Amino acid sequence: MNIQIFGTKKCFDTKKAERYFKERGIKYQFIDMKEKGMSKGEFTSVLQSAGGIDNMIDEKAKDKDTLTLMKYLSDSDKTEKLFENQHLIKTPVVRNGKKAVIGYHPEIWEEWD
């Protein structure tokens, strides 16, 4: 397994995801979204696994102006805007190669081998 956890240090669900893998002795790489974020390839891979752009957007994000704007954009414009404003992505984003899950979902991670 090649686990990557994209999240923030203050996110409760990100901490739970890290604890989940740590307790099982599974090595993972933590990427702080405030410092680094996703590359274009990682973003595209997560977008395909997540089931669409709307599943990636965190409706509880603090940037209400950008969230409101995104409601009126086409999907391709939303994708570009979300890539530019990665602080609007729900966390954690847990990747295992081409597979990705947004949020805390240990029932899905258990199926990964």
PDB file of N, CA and C in Angstrom:
ATOM      1  N   MET A   1       0.843  -1.192   0.000  1.00  0.00           N
ATOM      2  CA  MET A   1       0.000   0.000   0.000  1.00  0.00           C
ATOM      3  C   MET A   1       0.878   1.242   0.000  1.00  0.00           C
ATOM      4  N   ASN A   2       0.419   2.234  -0.705  1.00  0.00           N
ATOM      5  CA  ASN A   2       1.126   3.512  -0.777  1.00  0.00           C
ATOM      6  C   ASN A   2       0.130   4.592  -0.355  1.00  0.00           C
ATOM      7  N   ILE A   3      -0.022   4.785   0.946  1.00  0.00           N
ATOM      8  CA  ILE A   3      -1.053   5.664   1.489  1.00  0.00           C
ATOM      9  C   ILE A   3      -0.553   7.101   1.593  1.00  0.00           C
ATOM     10  N   GLN A   4      -1.375   8.013   1.102  1.00  0.00           N
ATOM     11  CA  GLN A   4      -1.139   9.446   1.281  1.00  0.00           C
ATOM     12  C   GLN A   4      -2.374  10.021   1.965  1.00  0.00           C
ATOM     13  N   ILE A   5      -2.137  10.853   2.985  1.00  0.00           N
ATOM     14  CA  ILE A   5      -3.234  11.531   3.661  1.00  0.00           C
ATOM     15  C   ILE A   5      -3.057  13.026   3.452  1.00  0.00           C
ATOM     16  N   PHE A   6      -3.989  13.626   2.712  1.00  0.00           N
ATOM     17  CA  PHE A   6      -3.997  15.069   2.528  1.00  0.00           C
ATOM     18  C   PHE A   6      -4.958  15.649   3.550  1.00  0.00           C
ATOM     19  N   GLY A   7      -4.499  16.603   4.332  1.00  0.00           N
ATOM     20  CA  GLY A   7      -5.361  17.197   5.338  1.00  0.00           C
ATOM     21  C   GLY A   7      -4.677  18.377   6.001  1.00  0.00           C
ATOM     22  N   THR A   8      -5.230  18.794   7.114  1.00  0.00           N
ATOM     23  CA  THR A   8      -4.619  19.874   7.889  1.00  0.00           C
ATOM     24  C   THR A   8      -4.386  19.381   9.309  1.00  0.00           C
ATOM     25  N   LYS A   9      -3.433  19.985   9.965  1.00  0.00           N
ATOM     26  CA  LYS A   9      -3.067  19.557  11.317  1.00  0.00           C
ATOM     27  C   LYS A   9      -4.188  19.800  12.321  1.00  0.00           C
ATOM     28  N   LYS A  10      -5.080  20.735  12.041  1.00  0.00           N
ATOM     29  CA  LYS A  10      -6.171  21.053  12.964  1.00  0.00           C
ATOM     30  C   LYS A  10      -7.454  20.265  12.692  1.00  0.00           C
ATOM     31  N   CYS A  11      -7.483  19.506  11.607  1.00  0.00           N
ATOM     32  CA  CYS A  11      -8.692  18.761  11.227  1.00  0.00           C
ATOM     33  C   CYS A  11      -8.823  17.487  12.062  1.00  0.00           C
ATOM     34  N   PHE A  12      -9.932  17.369  12.777  1.00  0.00           N
ATOM     35  CA  PHE A  12     -10.179  16.229  13.659  1.00  0.00           C
ATOM     36  C   PHE A  12     -10.218  14.917  12.870  1.00  0.00           C
ATOM     37  N   ASP A  13     -10.915  14.896  11.735  1.00  0.00           N
ATOM     38  CA  ASP A  13     -11.008  13.671  10.932  1.00  0.00           C
ATOM     39  C   ASP A  13      -9.661  13.270  10.344  1.00  0.00           C
ATOM     40  N   THR A  14      -8.818  14.240  10.030  1.00  0.00           N
ATOM     41  CA  THR A  14      -7.475  13.933   9.533  1.00  0.00           C
ATOM     42  C   THR A  14      -6.666  13.238  10.623  1.00  0.00           C
ATOM     43  N   LYS A  15      -6.766  13.732  11.838  1.00  0.00           N
ATOM     44  CA  LYS A  15      -6.060  13.107  12.971  1.00  0.00           C
ATOM     45  C   LYS A  15      -6.559  11.678  13.189  1.00  0.00           C
ATOM     46  N   LYS A  16      -7.879  11.470  13.055  1.00  0.00           N
ATOM     47  CA  LYS A  16      -8.439  10.129  13.208  1.00  0.00           C
ATOM     48  C   LYS A  16      -7.920   9.200  12.112  1.00  0.00           C
ATOM     49  N   ALA A  17      -7.815   9.701  10.889  1.00  0.00           N
ATOM     50  CA  ALA A  17      -7.302   8.892   9.776  1.00  0.00           C
ATOM     51  C   ALA A  17      -5.837   8.502  10.034  1.00  0.00           C
ATOM     52  N   GLU A  18      -5.041   9.465  10.498  1.00  0.00           N
ATOM     53  CA  GLU A  18      -3.639   9.154  10.813  1.00  0.00           C
ATOM     54  C   GLU A  18      -3.563   8.084  11.902  1.00  0.00           C
ATOM     55  N   ARG A  19      -4.377   8.221  12.934  1.00  0.00           N
ATOM     56  CA  ARG A  19      -4.393   7.256  14.039  1.00  0.00           C
ATOM     57  C   ARG A  19      -4.785   5.873  13.527  1.00  0.00           C
ATOM     58  N   TYR A  20      -5.776   5.820  12.619  1.00  0.00           N
ATOM     59  CA  TYR A  20      -6.233   4.543  12.057  1.00  0.00           C
ATOM     60  C   TYR A  20      -5.064   3.783  11.434  1.00  0.00           C
ATOM     61  N   PHE A  21      -4.283   4.450  10.579  1.00  0.00           N
ATOM     62  CA  PHE A  21      -3.180   3.776   9.892  1.00  0.00           C
ATOM     63  C   PHE A  21      -2.015   3.494  10.842  1.00  0.00           C
ATOM     64  N   LYS A  22      -1.763   4.406  11.766  1.00  0.00           N
ATOM     65  CA  LYS A  22      -0.690   4.226  12.741  1.00  0.00           C
ATOM     66  C   LYS A  22      -0.952   2.999  13.618  1.00  0.00           C
ATOM     67  N   GLU A  23      -2.192   2.843  14.088  1.00  0.00           N
ATOM     68  CA  GLU A  23      -2.550   1.717  14.956  1.00  0.00           C
ATOM     69  C   GLU A  23      -2.409   0.377  14.252  1.00  0.00           C
ATOM     70  N   ARG A  24      -2.530   0.353  12.941  1.00  0.00           N
ATOM     71  CA  ARG A  24      -2.426  -0.882  12.173  1.00  0.00           C
ATOM     72  C   ARG A  24      -1.025  -1.091  11.603  1.00  0.00           C
ATOM     73  N   GLY A  25      -0.112  -0.202  11.935  1.00  0.00           N
ATOM     74  CA  GLY A  25       1.269  -0.336  11.470  1.00  0.00           C
ATOM     75  C   GLY A  25       1.426  -0.115   9.977  1.00  0.00           C
ATOM     76  N   ILE A  26       0.506   0.648   9.389  1.00  0.00           N
ATOM     77  CA  ILE A  26       0.563   0.931   7.950  1.00  0.00           C
ATOM     78  C   ILE A  26       1.244   2.280   7.756  1.00  0.00           C
ATOM     79  N   LYS A  27       2.320   2.269   6.975  1.00  0.00           N
ATOM     80  CA  LYS A  27       3.038   3.518   6.731  1.00  0.00           C
ATOM     81  C   LYS A  27       2.215   4.407   5.805  1.00  0.00           C
ATOM     82  N   TYR A  28       2.276   5.701   6.058  1.00  0.00           N
ATOM     83  CA  TYR A  28       1.557   6.664   5.240  1.00  0.00           C
ATOM     84  C   TYR A  28       2.380   7.953   5.143  1.00  0.00           C
ATOM     85  N   GLN A  29       2.029   8.753   4.166  1.00  0.00           N
ATOM     86  CA  GLN A  29       2.666  10.061   3.978  1.00  0.00           C
ATOM     87  C   GLN A  29       1.606  11.119   4.243  1.00  0.00           C
ATOM     88  N   PHE A  30       1.900  12.042   5.164  1.00  0.00           N
ATOM     89  CA  PHE A  30       0.965  13.123   5.462  1.00  0.00           C
ATOM     90  C   PHE A  30       1.366  14.363   4.671  1.00  0.00           C
ATOM     91  N   ILE A  31       0.421  14.948   3.958  1.00  0.00           N
ATOM     92  CA  ILE A  31       0.654  16.187   3.205  1.00  0.00           C
ATOM     93  C   ILE A  31      -0.268  17.246   3.778  1.00  0.00           C
ATOM     94  N   ASP A  32       0.325  18.301   4.316  1.00  0.00           N
ATOM     95  CA  ASP A  32      -0.450  19.400   4.903  1.00  0.00           C
ATOM     96  C   ASP A  32      -0.956  20.291   3.774  1.00  0.00           C
ATOM     97  N   MET A  33      -2.278  20.358   3.640  1.00  0.00           N
ATOM     98  CA  MET A  33      -2.893  21.129   2.553  1.00  0.00           C
ATOM     99  C   MET A  33      -2.634  22.628   2.691  1.00  0.00           C
ATOM    100  N   LYS A  34      -2.369  23.092   3.900  1.00  0.00           N
ATOM    101  CA  LYS A  34      -2.089  24.520   4.074  1.00  0.00           C
ATOM    102  C   LYS A  34      -0.702  24.879   3.554  1.00  0.00           C
ATOM    103  N   GLU A  35       0.224  23.921   3.615  1.00  0.00           N
ATOM    104  CA  GLU A  35       1.594  24.173   3.178  1.00  0.00           C
ATOM    105  C   GLU A  35       1.828  23.813   1.723  1.00  0.00           C
ATOM    106  N   LYS A  36       1.348  22.629   1.315  1.00  0.00           N
ATOM    107  CA  LYS A  36       1.707  22.132  -0.004  1.00  0.00           C
ATOM    108  C   LYS A  36       0.537  21.960  -0.956  1.00  0.00           C
ATOM    109  N   GLY A  37      -0.464  21.195  -0.566  1.00  0.00           N
ATOM    110  CA  GLY A  37      -1.583  20.941  -1.475  1.00  0.00           C
ATOM    111  C   GLY A  37      -1.298  19.803  -2.432  1.00  0.00           C
ATOM    112  N   MET A  38      -2.199  19.603  -3.381  1.00  0.00           N
ATOM    113  CA  MET A  38      -2.094  18.507  -4.343  1.00  0.00           C
ATOM    114  C   MET A  38      -1.513  19.015  -5.655  1.00  0.00           C
ATOM    115  N   SER A  39      -0.799  18.120  -6.324  1.00  0.00           N
ATOM    116  CA  SER A  39      -0.357  18.425  -7.684  1.00  0.00           C
ATOM    117  C   SER A  39      -1.561  18.263  -8.605  1.00  0.00           C
ATOM    118  N   LYS A  40      -1.427  18.693  -9.830  1.00  0.00           N
ATOM    119  CA  LYS A  40      -2.531  18.579 -10.793  1.00  0.00           C
ATOM    120  C   LYS A  40      -2.907  17.109 -11.015  1.00  0.00           C
ATOM    121  N   GLY A  41      -1.904  16.240 -11.106  1.00  0.00           N
ATOM    122  CA  GLY A  41      -2.159  14.815 -11.312  1.00  0.00           C
ATOM    123  C   GLY A  41      -2.869  14.188 -10.125  1.00  0.00           C
ATOM    124  N   GLU A  42      -2.425  14.517  -8.911  1.00  0.00           N
ATOM    125  CA  GLU A  42      -3.079  13.999  -7.707  1.00  0.00           C
ATOM    126  C   GLU A  42      -4.519  14.485  -7.630  1.00  0.00           C
ATOM    127  N   PHE A  43      -4.713  15.755  -7.917  1.00  0.00           N
ATOM    128  CA  PHE A  43      -6.049  16.351  -7.875  1.00  0.00           C
ATOM    129  C   PHE A  43      -6.988  15.646  -8.859  1.00  0.00           C
ATOM    130  N   THR A  44      -6.508  15.413 -10.071  1.00  0.00           N
ATOM    131  CA  THR A  44      -7.314  14.755 -11.104  1.00  0.00           C
ATOM    132  C   THR A  44      -7.660  13.328 -10.691  1.00  0.00           C
ATOM    133  N   SER A  45      -6.680  12.613 -10.128  1.00  0.00           N
ATOM    134  CA  SER A  45      -6.905  11.247  -9.673  1.00  0.00           C
ATOM    135  C   SER A  45      -7.964  11.203  -8.564  1.00  0.00           C
ATOM    136  N   VAL A  46      -7.880  12.117  -7.610  1.00  0.00           N
ATOM    137  CA  VAL A  46      -8.860  12.184  -6.518  1.00  0.00           C
ATOM    138  C   VAL A  46     -10.234  12.544  -7.066  1.00  0.00           C
ATOM    139  N   LEU A  47     -10.270  13.476  -7.997  1.00  0.00           N
ATOM    140  CA  LEU A  47     -11.532  13.904  -8.605  1.00  0.00           C
ATOM    141  C   LEU A  47     -12.251  12.723  -9.258  1.00  0.00           C
ATOM    142  N   GLN A  48     -11.514  11.879  -9.966  1.00  0.00           N
ATOM    143  CA  GLN A  48     -12.113  10.711 -10.623  1.00  0.00           C
ATOM    144  C   GLN A  48     -12.604   9.691  -9.602  1.00  0.00           C
ATOM    145  N   SER A  49     -11.846   9.493  -8.533  1.00  0.00           N
ATOM    146  CA  SER A  49     -12.228   8.513  -7.509  1.00  0.00           C
ATOM    147  C   SER A  49     -13.369   8.996  -6.626  1.00  0.00           C
ATOM    148  N   ALA A  50     -13.466  10.309  -6.452  1.00  0.00           N
ATOM    149  CA  ALA A  50     -14.429  10.886  -5.511  1.00  0.00           C
ATOM    150  C   ALA A  50     -15.856  10.908  -6.056  1.00  0.00           C
ATOM    151  N   GLY A  51     -16.001  10.688  -7.334  1.00  0.00           N
ATOM    152  CA  GLY A  51     -17.345  10.677  -7.904  1.00  0.00           C
ATOM    153  C   GLY A  51     -17.855  12.055  -8.260  1.00  0.00           C
ATOM    154  N   GLY A  52     -16.961  12.943  -8.647  1.00  0.00           N
ATOM    155  CA  GLY A  52     -17.384  14.264  -9.110  1.00  0.00           C
ATOM    156  C   GLY A  52     -16.929  15.396  -8.216  1.00  0.00           C
ATOM    157  N   ILE A  53     -16.949  16.561  -8.789  1.00  0.00           N
ATOM    158  CA  ILE A  53     -16.437  17.769  -8.127  1.00  0.00           C
ATOM    159  C   ILE A  53     -17.251  18.142  -6.893  1.00  0.00           C
ATOM    160  N   ASP A  54     -18.568  17.951  -6.947  1.00  0.00           N
ATOM    161  CA  ASP A  54     -19.419  18.359  -5.822  1.00  0.00           C
ATOM    162  C   ASP A  54     -19.133  17.564  -4.554  1.00  0.00           C
ATOM    163  N   ASN A  55     -18.658  16.323  -4.697  1.00  0.00           N
ATOM    164  CA  ASN A  55     -18.315  15.506  -3.528  1.00  0.00           C
ATOM    165  C   ASN A  55     -17.031  15.981  -2.847  1.00  0.00           C
ATOM    166  N   MET A  56     -16.228  16.752  -3.558  1.00  0.00           N
ATOM    167  CA  MET A  56     -14.954  17.225  -2.996  1.00  0.00           C
ATOM    168  C   MET A  56     -15.091  18.545  -2.239  1.00  0.00           C
ATOM    169  N   ILE A  57     -16.126  19.302  -2.521  1.00  0.00           N
ATOM    170  CA  ILE A  57     -16.248  20.647  -1.952  1.00  0.00           C
ATOM    171  C   ILE A  57     -16.762  20.589  -0.518  1.00  0.00           C
ATOM    172  N   ASP A  58     -16.049  21.270   0.372  1.00  0.00           N
ATOM    173  CA  ASP A  58     -16.437  21.348   1.780  1.00  0.00           C
ATOM    174  C   ASP A  58     -17.383  22.528   1.959  1.00  0.00           C
ATOM    175  N   GLU A  59     -18.659  22.219   2.137  1.00  0.00           N
ATOM    176  CA  GLU A  59     -19.674  23.264   2.284  1.00  0.00           C
ATOM    177  C   GLU A  59     -19.510  24.059   3.576  1.00  0.00           C
ATOM    178  N   LYS A  60     -18.711  23.542   4.515  1.00  0.00           N
ATOM    179  CA  LYS A  60     -18.500  24.224   5.795  1.00  0.00           C
ATOM    180  C   LYS A  60     -17.229  25.065   5.811  1.00  0.00           C
ATOM    181  N   ALA A  61     -16.586  25.218   4.668  1.00  0.00           N
ATOM    182  CA  ALA A  61     -15.341  25.998   4.594  1.00  0.00           C
ATOM    183  C   ALA A  61     -15.607  27.458   4.957  1.00  0.00           C
ATOM    184  N   LYS A  62     -14.562  28.122   5.443  1.00  0.00           N
ATOM    185  CA  LYS A  62     -14.713  29.501   5.910  1.00  0.00           C
ATOM    186  C   LYS A  62     -14.841  30.515   4.770  1.00  0.00           C
ATOM    187  N   ASP A  63     -14.328  30.167   3.589  1.00  0.00           N
ATOM    188  CA  ASP A  63     -14.341  31.093   2.447  1.00  0.00           C
ATOM    189  C   ASP A  63     -15.712  31.062   1.768  1.00  0.00           C
ATOM    190  N   LYS A  64     -16.681  31.712   2.382  1.00  0.00           N
ATOM    191  CA  LYS A  64     -18.074  31.669   1.901  1.00  0.00           C
ATOM    192  C   LYS A  64     -18.240  32.340   0.538  1.00  0.00           C
ATOM    193  N   ASP A  65     -17.449  33.366   0.250  1.00  0.00           N
ATOM    194  CA  ASP A  65     -17.567  34.058  -1.039  1.00  0.00           C
ATOM    195  C   ASP A  65     -17.238  33.119  -2.200  1.00  0.00           C
ATOM    196  N   THR A  66     -16.132  32.389  -2.089  1.00  0.00           N
ATOM    197  CA  THR A  66     -15.740  31.465  -3.156  1.00  0.00           C
ATOM    198  C   THR A  66     -16.718  30.302  -3.247  1.00  0.00           C
ATOM    199  N   LEU A  67     -17.205  29.815  -2.106  1.00  0.00           N
ATOM    200  CA  LEU A  67     -18.200  28.738  -2.119  1.00  0.00           C
ATOM    201  C   LEU A  67     -19.459  29.157  -2.866  1.00  0.00           C
ATOM    202  N   THR A  68     -19.916  30.372  -2.603  1.00  0.00           N
ATOM    203  CA  THR A  68     -21.111  30.890  -3.280  1.00  0.00           C
ATOM    204  C   THR A  68     -20.863  31.011  -4.777  1.00  0.00           C
ATOM    205  N   LEU A  69     -19.709  31.528  -5.159  1.00  0.00           N
ATOM    206  CA  LEU A  69     -19.362  31.659  -6.569  1.00  0.00           C
ATOM    207  C   LEU A  69     -19.366  30.301  -7.263  1.00  0.00           C
ATOM    208  N   MET A  70     -18.830  29.283  -6.587  1.00  0.00           N
ATOM    209  CA  MET A  70     -18.712  27.962  -7.202  1.00  0.00           C
ATOM    210  C   MET A  70     -20.064  27.328  -7.514  1.00  0.00           C
ATOM    211  N   LYS A  71     -21.096  27.718  -6.801  1.00  0.00           N
ATOM    212  CA  LYS A  71     -22.437  27.170  -7.060  1.00  0.00           C
ATOM    213  C   LYS A  71     -22.948  27.558  -8.447  1.00  0.00           C
ATOM    214  N   TYR A  72     -22.435  28.649  -8.975  1.00  0.00           N
ATOM    215  CA  TYR A  72     -22.918  29.166 -10.256  1.00  0.00           C
ATOM    216  C   TYR A  72     -21.979  28.868 -11.422  1.00  0.00           C
ATOM    217  N   LEU A  73     -20.903  28.145 -11.178  1.00  0.00           N
ATOM    218  CA  LEU A  73     -19.938  27.838 -12.237  1.00  0.00           C
ATOM    219  C   LEU A  73     -20.273  26.499 -12.890  1.00  0.00           C
ATOM    220  N   SER A  74     -19.799  26.326 -14.130  1.00  0.00           N
ATOM    221  CA  SER A  74     -19.921  25.026 -14.791  1.00  0.00           C
ATOM    222  C   SER A  74     -18.943  24.066 -14.119  1.00  0.00           C
ATOM    223  N   ASP A  75     -19.101  22.764 -14.344  1.00  0.00           N
ATOM    224  CA  ASP A  75     -18.230  21.778 -13.690  1.00  0.00           C
ATOM    225  C   ASP A  75     -16.753  21.987 -14.037  1.00  0.00           C
ATOM    226  N   SER A  76     -16.463  22.326 -15.295  1.00  0.00           N
ATOM    227  CA  SER A  76     -15.055  22.513 -15.663  1.00  0.00           C
ATOM    228  C   SER A  76     -14.468  23.750 -14.971  1.00  0.00           C
ATOM    229  N   ASP A  77     -15.272  24.808 -14.851  1.00  0.00           N
ATOM    230  CA  ASP A  77     -14.804  26.002 -14.142  1.00  0.00           C
ATOM    231  C   ASP A  77     -14.688  25.738 -12.640  1.00  0.00           C
ATOM    232  N   LYS A  78     -15.608  24.942 -12.100  1.00  0.00           N
ATOM    233  CA  LYS A  78     -15.549  24.565 -10.686  1.00  0.00           C
ATOM    234  C   LYS A  78     -14.253  23.811 -10.402  1.00  0.00           C
ATOM    235  N   THR A  79     -13.919  22.884 -11.299  1.00  0.00           N
ATOM    236  CA  THR A  79     -12.713  22.075 -11.128  1.00  0.00           C
ATOM    237  C   THR A  79     -11.486  22.961 -11.072  1.00  0.00           C
ATOM    238  N   GLU A  80     -11.399  23.894 -12.001  1.00  0.00           N
ATOM    239  CA  GLU A  80     -10.259  24.816 -12.035  1.00  0.00           C
ATOM    240  C   GLU A  80     -10.209  25.689 -10.777  1.00  0.00           C
ATOM    241  N   LYS A  81     -11.361  26.189 -10.355  1.00  0.00           N
ATOM    242  CA  LYS A  81     -11.455  27.062  -9.179  1.00  0.00           C
ATOM    243  C   LYS A  81     -11.089  26.287  -7.907  1.00  0.00           C
ATOM    244  N   LEU A  82     -11.536  25.030  -7.814  1.00  0.00           N
ATOM    245  CA  LEU A  82     -11.224  24.219  -6.640  1.00  0.00           C
ATOM    246  C   LEU A  82      -9.732  23.884  -6.582  1.00  0.00           C
ATOM    247  N   PHE A  83      -9.122  23.629  -7.750  1.00  0.00           N
ATOM    248  CA  PHE A  83      -7.685  23.367  -7.776  1.00  0.00           C
ATOM    249  C   PHE A  83      -6.908  24.594  -7.299  1.00  0.00           C
ATOM    250  N   GLU A  84      -7.371  25.777  -7.682  1.00  0.00           N
ATOM    251  CA  GLU A  84      -6.720  27.025  -7.255  1.00  0.00           C
ATOM    252  C   GLU A  84      -6.965  27.311  -5.772  1.00  0.00           C
ATOM    253  N   ASN A  85      -8.096  26.865  -5.236  1.00  0.00           N
ATOM    254  CA  ASN A  85      -8.490  27.127  -3.843  1.00  0.00           C
ATOM    255  C   ASN A  85      -8.649  25.802  -3.094  1.00  0.00           C
ATOM    256  N   GLN A  86      -7.541  25.109  -2.893  1.00  0.00           N
ATOM    257  CA  GLN A  86      -7.604  23.767  -2.309  1.00  0.00           C
ATOM    258  C   GLN A  86      -8.036  23.763  -0.846  1.00  0.00           C
ATOM    259  N   HIS A  87      -8.088  24.920  -0.222  1.00  0.00           N
ATOM    260  CA  HIS A  87      -8.580  24.987   1.155  1.00  0.00           C
ATOM    261  C   HIS A  87     -10.092  24.705   1.221  1.00  0.00           C
ATOM    262  N   LEU A  88     -10.742  24.618   0.067  1.00  0.00           N
ATOM    263  CA  LEU A  88     -12.178  24.308   0.009  1.00  0.00           C
ATOM    264  C   LEU A  88     -12.459  22.808  -0.137  1.00  0.00           C
ATOM    265  N   ILE A  89     -11.406  21.996  -0.191  1.00  0.00           N
ATOM    266  CA  ILE A  89     -11.577  20.545  -0.342  1.00  0.00           C
ATOM    267  C   ILE A  89     -11.829  19.926   1.027  1.00  0.00           C
ATOM    268  N   LYS A  90     -12.799  19.008   1.086  1.00  0.00           N
ATOM    269  CA  LYS A  90     -13.069  18.269   2.328  1.00  0.00           C
ATOM    270  C   LYS A  90     -11.820  17.487   2.700  1.00  0.00           C
ATOM    271  N   THR A  91     -11.564  17.406   4.003  1.00  0.00           N
ATOM    272  CA  THR A  91     -10.421  16.631   4.463  1.00  0.00           C
ATOM    273  C   THR A  91     -10.878  15.584   5.460  1.00  0.00           C
ATOM    274  N   PRO A  92     -10.152  14.509   5.600  1.00  0.00           N
ATOM    275  CA  PRO A  92      -8.939  14.157   4.881  1.00  0.00           C
ATOM    276  C   PRO A  92      -9.252  13.549   3.512  1.00  0.00           C
ATOM    277  N   VAL A  93      -8.280  13.658   2.626  1.00  0.00           N
ATOM    278  CA  VAL A  93      -8.322  12.937   1.365  1.00  0.00           C
ATOM    279  C   VAL A  93      -7.271  11.836   1.510  1.00  0.00           C
ATOM    280  N   VAL A  94      -7.716  10.588   1.480  1.00  0.00           N
ATOM    281  CA  VAL A  94      -6.804   9.459   1.657  1.00  0.00           C
ATOM    282  C   VAL A  94      -6.669   8.743   0.320  1.00  0.00           C
ATOM    283  N   ARG A  95      -5.416   8.670  -0.164  1.00  0.00           N
ATOM    284  CA  ARG A  95      -5.144   8.028  -1.458  1.00  0.00           C
ATOM    285  C   ARG A  95      -4.349   6.755  -1.261  1.00  0.00           C
ATOM    286  N   ASN A  96      -4.654   5.788  -2.101  1.00  0.00           N
ATOM    287  CA  ASN A  96      -3.876   4.553  -2.191  1.00  0.00           C
ATOM    288  C   ASN A  96      -3.727   4.267  -3.675  1.00  0.00           C
ATOM    289  N   GLY A  97      -2.660   4.770  -4.276  1.00  0.00           N
ATOM    290  CA  GLY A  97      -2.488   4.639  -5.721  1.00  0.00           C
ATOM    291  C   GLY A  97      -3.559   5.426  -6.456  1.00  0.00           C
ATOM    292  N   LYS A  98      -4.339   4.730  -7.276  1.00  0.00           N
ATOM    293  CA  LYS A  98      -5.398   5.390  -8.044  1.00  0.00           C
ATOM    294  C   LYS A  98      -6.696   5.533  -7.247  1.00  0.00           C
ATOM    295  N   LYS A  99      -6.798   4.824  -6.126  1.00  0.00           N
ATOM    296  CA  LYS A  99      -8.008   4.895  -5.297  1.00  0.00           C
ATOM    297  C   LYS A  99      -7.900   6.080  -4.346  1.00  0.00           C
ATOM    298  N   ALA A 100      -9.018   6.712  -4.087  1.00  0.00           N
ATOM    299  CA  ALA A 100      -9.037   7.835  -3.146  1.00  0.00           C
ATOM    300  C   ALA A 100     -10.395   7.909  -2.462  1.00  0.00           C
ATOM    301  N   VAL A 101     -10.359   8.321  -1.199  1.00  0.00           N
ATOM    302  CA  VAL A 101     -11.577   8.482  -0.415  1.00  0.00           C
ATOM    303  C   VAL A 101     -11.507   9.830   0.274  1.00  0.00           C
ATOM    304  N   ILE A 102     -12.621  10.551   0.260  1.00  0.00           N
ATOM    305  CA  ILE A 102     -12.675  11.846   0.936  1.00  0.00           C
ATOM    306  C   ILE A 102     -13.461  11.669   2.228  1.00  0.00           C
ATOM    307  N   GLY A 103     -12.839  12.067   3.324  1.00  0.00           N
ATOM    308  CA  GLY A 103     -13.467  11.932   4.626  1.00  0.00           C
ATOM    309  C   GLY A 103     -12.932  10.723   5.372  1.00  0.00           C
ATOM    310  N   TYR A 104     -13.461  10.512   6.570  1.00  0.00           N
ATOM    311  CA  TYR A 104     -13.038   9.403   7.429  1.00  0.00           C
ATOM    312  C   TYR A 104     -13.908   8.189   7.130  1.00  0.00           C
ATOM    313  N   HIS A 105     -13.343   7.202   6.416  1.00  0.00           N
ATOM    314  CA  HIS A 105     -14.093   6.006   6.013  1.00  0.00           C
ATOM    315  C   HIS A 105     -13.261   4.742   6.201  1.00  0.00           C
ATOM    316  N   PRO A 106     -13.063   4.309   7.457  1.00  0.00           N
ATOM    317  CA  PRO A 106     -12.249   3.112   7.693  1.00  0.00           C
ATOM    318  C   PRO A 106     -12.822   1.846   7.059  1.00  0.00           C
ATOM    319  N   GLU A 107     -14.142   1.805   6.870  1.00  0.00           N
ATOM    320  CA  GLU A 107     -14.754   0.620   6.252  1.00  0.00           C
ATOM    321  C   GLU A 107     -14.274   0.438   4.812  1.00  0.00           C
ATOM    322  N   ILE A 108     -13.951   1.518   4.132  1.00  0.00           N
ATOM    323  CA  ILE A 108     -13.425   1.446   2.771  1.00  0.00           C
ATOM    324  C   ILE A 108     -11.934   1.130   2.808  1.00  0.00           C
ATOM    325  N   TRP A 109     -11.206   1.735   3.730  1.00  0.00           N
ATOM    326  CA  TRP A 109      -9.756   1.511   3.823  1.00  0.00           C
ATOM    327  C   TRP A 109      -9.448   0.058   4.137  1.00  0.00           C
ATOM    328  N   GLU A 110     -10.317  -0.614   4.897  1.00  0.00           N
ATOM    329  CA  GLU A 110     -10.105  -2.020   5.241  1.00  0.00           C
ATOM    330  C   GLU A 110     -10.088  -2.902   4.004  1.00  0.00           C
ATOM    331  N   GLU A 111     -10.806  -2.492   2.969  1.00  0.00           N
ATOM    332  CA  GLU A 111     -10.886  -3.281   1.735  1.00  0.00           C
ATOM    333  C   GLU A 111      -9.635  -3.141   0.873  1.00  0.00           C
ATOM    334  N   TRP A 112      -8.846  -2.099   1.117  1.00  0.00           N
ATOM    335  CA  TRP A 112      -7.618  -1.887   0.359  1.00  0.00           C
ATOM    336  C   TRP A 112      -6.592  -2.929   0.791  1.00  0.00           C
ATOM    337  N   ASP A 113      -5.877  -3.482  -0.186  1.00  0.00           N
ATOM    338  CA  ASP A 113      -4.830  -4.428   0.186  1.00  0.00           C
ATOM    339  C   ASP A 113      -3.487  -4.040  -0.336  1.00  0.00           C
TER     340      ASP A 113
END
